Amino acid sequence: MRHHDRNRKLGREKRQRVALLRGLARSLILHEGITTTEAKAKALRPFVERLVTAAKSDSLSGTRRVATRLAGEEARGKLKELAKRYKKRTGGYTRITRLQRVGKRVGSMSRIEFISAEGGSSSGGK
């Protein structure tokens, strides 16, 4: 029985799914907001939230955890900036907003973005 499987499969094998999440996370961190399908946004959210929480710890283990899950020095540097921004916040760093459907064959699209430290929308975006 299925009973609330933890991760979404997204129609991919494990390696493909992990590569997809890493790439989406990198884009989200660099641009502070991306447009993707609703399923991918929902799968990406906990992945990124855990990365931000690990980066906030400012310890060697947190740095190594981020390094294994996020490629690119530029993205890791930007993640440290985001971690400083959310230092007082305990979670809920991202927001998913549904967008209008574009065509019949396109899945429901969503925009996932980081919220600002004050609670409003972030300024960056793609």
C-alpha atoms as a PDB file:
ATOM      1  CA  MET A   1       0.000   0.000   0.000  1.00  0.00           C
ATOM      2  CA  ARG A   2       1.157   3.477  -0.801  1.00  0.00           C
ATOM      3  CA  HIS A   3       0.215   5.314   2.427  1.00  0.00           C
ATOM      4  CA  HIS A   4       1.746   8.772   2.074  1.00  0.00           C
ATOM      5  CA  ASP A   5       5.050   8.145   0.324  1.00  0.00           C
ATOM      6  CA  ARG A   6       7.513  10.806   1.346  1.00  0.00           C
ATOM      7  CA  ASN A   7       8.956  11.935  -1.983  1.00  0.00           C
ATOM      8  CA  ARG A   8       7.237  12.644  -5.272  1.00  0.00           C
ATOM      9  CA  LYS A   9       8.514  10.530  -8.133  1.00  0.00           C
ATOM     10  CA  LEU A  10       7.825  13.049 -10.923  1.00  0.00           C
ATOM     11  CA  GLY A  11       7.824  10.220 -13.494  1.00  0.00           C
ATOM     12  CA  ARG A  12      11.592   9.783 -13.214  1.00  0.00           C
ATOM     13  CA  GLU A  13      14.119   7.353 -11.833  1.00  0.00           C
ATOM     14  CA  LYS A  14      15.942   8.309  -8.652  1.00  0.00           C
ATOM     15  CA  ARG A  15      19.104   9.709 -10.273  1.00  0.00           C
ATOM     16  CA  GLN A  16      17.106  11.758 -12.759  1.00  0.00           C
ATOM     17  CA  ARG A  17      14.827  13.044 -10.004  1.00  0.00           C
ATOM     18  CA  VAL A  18      17.747  14.071  -7.783  1.00  0.00           C
ATOM     19  CA  ALA A  19      19.473  15.800 -10.720  1.00  0.00           C
ATOM     20  CA  LEU A  20      16.245  17.637 -11.561  1.00  0.00           C
ATOM     21  CA  LEU A  21      15.779  18.832  -7.971  1.00  0.00           C
ATOM     22  CA  ARG A  22      19.399  19.982  -7.727  1.00  0.00           C
ATOM     23  CA  GLY A  23      19.092  21.945 -10.961  1.00  0.00           C
ATOM     24  CA  LEU A  24      15.786  23.521  -9.970  1.00  0.00           C
ATOM     25  CA  ALA A  25      17.164  24.368  -6.520  1.00  0.00           C
ATOM     26  CA  ARG A  26      20.209  26.033  -8.067  1.00  0.00           C
ATOM     27  CA  SER A  27      18.025  28.130 -10.380  1.00  0.00           C
ATOM     28  CA  LEU A  28      15.677  29.060  -7.543  1.00  0.00           C
ATOM     29  CA  ILE A  29      18.538  30.150  -5.301  1.00  0.00           C
ATOM     30  CA  LEU A  30      20.303  32.170  -8.002  1.00  0.00           C
ATOM     31  CA  HIS A  31      17.163  33.907  -9.317  1.00  0.00           C
ATOM     32  CA  GLU A  32      15.111  33.847  -6.070  1.00  0.00           C
ATOM     33  CA  GLY A  33      12.096  32.702  -8.076  1.00  0.00           C
ATOM     34  CA  ILE A  34      11.300  30.359 -10.982  1.00  0.00           C
ATOM     35  CA  THR A  35       8.257  29.232 -12.952  1.00  0.00           C
ATOM     36  CA  THR A  36       7.763  25.471 -13.230  1.00  0.00           C
ATOM     37  CA  THR A  37       5.018  22.865 -13.072  1.00  0.00           C
ATOM     38  CA  GLU A  38       3.027  22.592  -9.871  1.00  0.00           C
ATOM     39  CA  ALA A  39       4.267  19.057  -9.135  1.00  0.00           C
ATOM     40  CA  LYS A  40       7.918  20.074  -9.505  1.00  0.00           C
ATOM     41  CA  ALA A  41       7.384  23.145  -7.322  1.00  0.00           C
ATOM     42  CA  LYS A  42       5.788  21.038  -4.588  1.00  0.00           C
ATOM     43  CA  ALA A  43       8.666  18.546  -4.735  1.00  0.00           C
ATOM     44  CA  LEU A  44      11.261  21.328  -4.749  1.00  0.00           C
ATOM     45  CA  ARG A  45       9.922  23.201  -1.737  1.00  0.00           C
ATOM     46  CA  PRO A  46      11.031  20.820   1.064  1.00  0.00           C
ATOM     47  CA  PHE A  47      14.370  20.222  -0.700  1.00  0.00           C
ATOM     48  CA  VAL A  48      15.170  23.950  -0.702  1.00  0.00           C
ATOM     49  CA  GLU A  49      13.786  24.559   2.791  1.00  0.00           C
ATOM     50  CA  ARG A  50      16.169  21.922   4.173  1.00  0.00           C
ATOM     51  CA  LEU A  51      19.084  23.500   2.291  1.00  0.00           C
ATOM     52  CA  VAL A  52      18.361  26.932   3.788  1.00  0.00           C
ATOM     53  CA  THR A  53      18.022  25.454   7.278  1.00  0.00           C
ATOM     54  CA  ALA A  54      21.344  23.605   6.888  1.00  0.00           C
ATOM     55  CA  ALA A  55      23.039  26.785   5.637  1.00  0.00           C
ATOM     56  CA  LYS A  56      21.682  28.713   8.631  1.00  0.00           C
ATOM     57  CA  SER A  57      23.472  26.424  11.106  1.00  0.00           C
ATOM     58  CA  ASP A  58      26.837  27.948  10.067  1.00  0.00           C
ATOM     59  CA  SER A  59      28.660  24.762  11.103  1.00  0.00           C
ATOM     60  CA  LEU A  60      31.051  22.527   9.220  1.00  0.00           C
ATOM     61  CA  SER A  61      28.459  19.759   8.958  1.00  0.00           C
ATOM     62  CA  GLY A  62      25.869  22.204   7.592  1.00  0.00           C
ATOM     63  CA  THR A  63      28.328  23.519   5.022  1.00  0.00           C
ATOM     64  CA  ARG A  64      29.180  19.982   3.912  1.00  0.00           C
ATOM     65  CA  ARG A  65      25.510  19.003   3.729  1.00  0.00           C
ATOM     66  CA  VAL A  66      24.837  21.978   1.447  1.00  0.00           C
ATOM     67  CA  ALA A  67      27.922  21.207  -0.674  1.00  0.00           C
ATOM     68  CA  THR A  68      26.779  17.629  -1.335  1.00  0.00           C
ATOM     69  CA  ARG A  69      23.294  18.690  -2.411  1.00  0.00           C
ATOM     70  CA  LEU A  70      23.969  21.944  -4.275  1.00  0.00           C
ATOM     71  CA  ALA A  71      26.423  22.327  -7.165  1.00  0.00           C
ATOM     72  CA  GLY A  72      28.130  25.583  -8.026  1.00  0.00           C
ATOM     73  CA  GLU A  73      30.104  27.972  -5.860  1.00  0.00           C
ATOM     74  CA  GLU A  74      27.928  30.910  -6.939  1.00  0.00           C
ATOM     75  CA  ALA A  75      24.752  29.165  -5.754  1.00  0.00           C
ATOM     76  CA  ARG A  76      26.336  28.237  -2.413  1.00  0.00           C
ATOM     77  CA  GLY A  77      27.416  31.839  -1.855  1.00  0.00           C
ATOM     78  CA  LYS A  78      23.923  33.099  -2.636  1.00  0.00           C
ATOM     79  CA  LEU A  79      22.479  30.470  -0.277  1.00  0.00           C
ATOM     80  CA  LYS A  80      24.658  31.845   2.546  1.00  0.00           C
ATOM     81  CA  GLU A  81      23.194  35.308   1.874  1.00  0.00           C
ATOM     82  CA  LEU A  82      19.677  33.848   2.012  1.00  0.00           C
ATOM     83  CA  ALA A  83      20.528  32.032   5.257  1.00  0.00           C
ATOM     84  CA  LYS A  84      21.585  35.344   6.824  1.00  0.00           C
ATOM     85  CA  ARG A  85      18.347  36.923   5.616  1.00  0.00           C
ATOM     86  CA  TYR A  86      16.248  34.205   7.284  1.00  0.00           C
ATOM     87  CA  LYS A  87      18.328  33.875  10.473  1.00  0.00           C
ATOM     88  CA  LYS A  88      15.375  34.685  12.760  1.00  0.00           C
ATOM     89  CA  ARG A  89      12.848  32.666  10.771  1.00  0.00           C
ATOM     90  CA  THR A  90      12.302  28.997  11.687  1.00  0.00           C
ATOM     91  CA  GLY A  91      10.897  27.825   8.341  1.00  0.00           C
ATOM     92  CA  GLY A  92       8.584  28.720   5.494  1.00  0.00           C
ATOM     93  CA  TYR A  93      11.162  30.451   3.321  1.00  0.00           C
ATOM     94  CA  THR A  94       9.359  29.829   0.020  1.00  0.00           C
ATOM     95  CA  ARG A  95       5.963  30.523  -1.497  1.00  0.00           C
ATOM     96  CA  ILE A  96       4.201  28.655  -4.308  1.00  0.00           C
ATOM     97  CA  THR A  97       1.755  30.659  -6.414  1.00  0.00           C
ATOM     98  CA  ARG A  98      -0.457  28.982  -9.011  1.00  0.00           C
ATOM     99  CA  LEU A  99      -0.471  30.541 -12.474  1.00  0.00           C
ATOM    100  CA  GLN A 100      -3.060  30.406 -15.240  1.00  0.00           C
ATOM    101  CA  ARG A 101      -2.968  27.473 -17.630  1.00  0.00           C
ATOM    102  CA  VAL A 102      -1.408  28.314 -20.976  1.00  0.00           C
ATOM    103  CA  GLY A 103      -2.679  25.456 -23.144  1.00  0.00           C
ATOM    104  CA  LYS A 104      -4.571  22.208 -22.957  1.00  0.00           C
ATOM    105  CA  ARG A 105      -1.509  19.966 -22.945  1.00  0.00           C
ATOM    106  CA  VAL A 106       0.572  21.986 -20.502  1.00  0.00           C
ATOM    107  CA  GLY A 107       0.362  20.949 -16.853  1.00  0.00           C
ATOM    108  CA  SER A 108      -0.679  23.468 -14.242  1.00  0.00           C
ATOM    109  CA  MET A 109       2.151  25.935 -13.826  1.00  0.00           C
ATOM    110  CA  SER A 110       3.292  27.537 -10.597  1.00  0.00           C
ATOM    111  CA  ARG A 111       5.807  30.109  -9.480  1.00  0.00           C
ATOM    112  CA  ILE A 112       7.994  29.237  -6.517  1.00  0.00           C
ATOM    113  CA  GLU A 113       9.925  32.073  -4.925  1.00  0.00           C
ATOM    114  CA  PHE A 114      11.640  33.069  -1.726  1.00  0.00           C
ATOM    115  CA  ILE A 115       9.669  35.398   0.484  1.00  0.00           C
ATOM    116  CA  SER A 116      11.405  38.480   1.785  1.00  0.00           C
ATOM    117  CA  ALA A 117      12.559  38.532   5.404  1.00  0.00           C
ATOM    118  CA  GLU A 118       9.748  40.958   6.289  1.00  0.00           C
ATOM    119  CA  GLY A 119       7.101  38.688   4.757  1.00  0.00           C
ATOM    120  CA  GLY A 120       6.523  40.346   1.364  1.00  0.00           C
ATOM    121  CA  SER A 121       7.583  39.138  -2.075  1.00  0.00           C
ATOM    122  CA  SER A 122      11.248  38.976  -3.009  1.00  0.00           C
ATOM    123  CA  SER A 123      12.594  41.451  -5.536  1.00  0.00           C
ATOM    124  CA  GLY A 124      14.565  39.079  -7.780  1.00  0.00           C
ATOM    125  CA  GLY A 125      13.128  36.615 -10.237  1.00  0.00           C
ATOM    126  CA  LYS A 126      13.333  34.958 -13.579  1.00  0.00           C
END
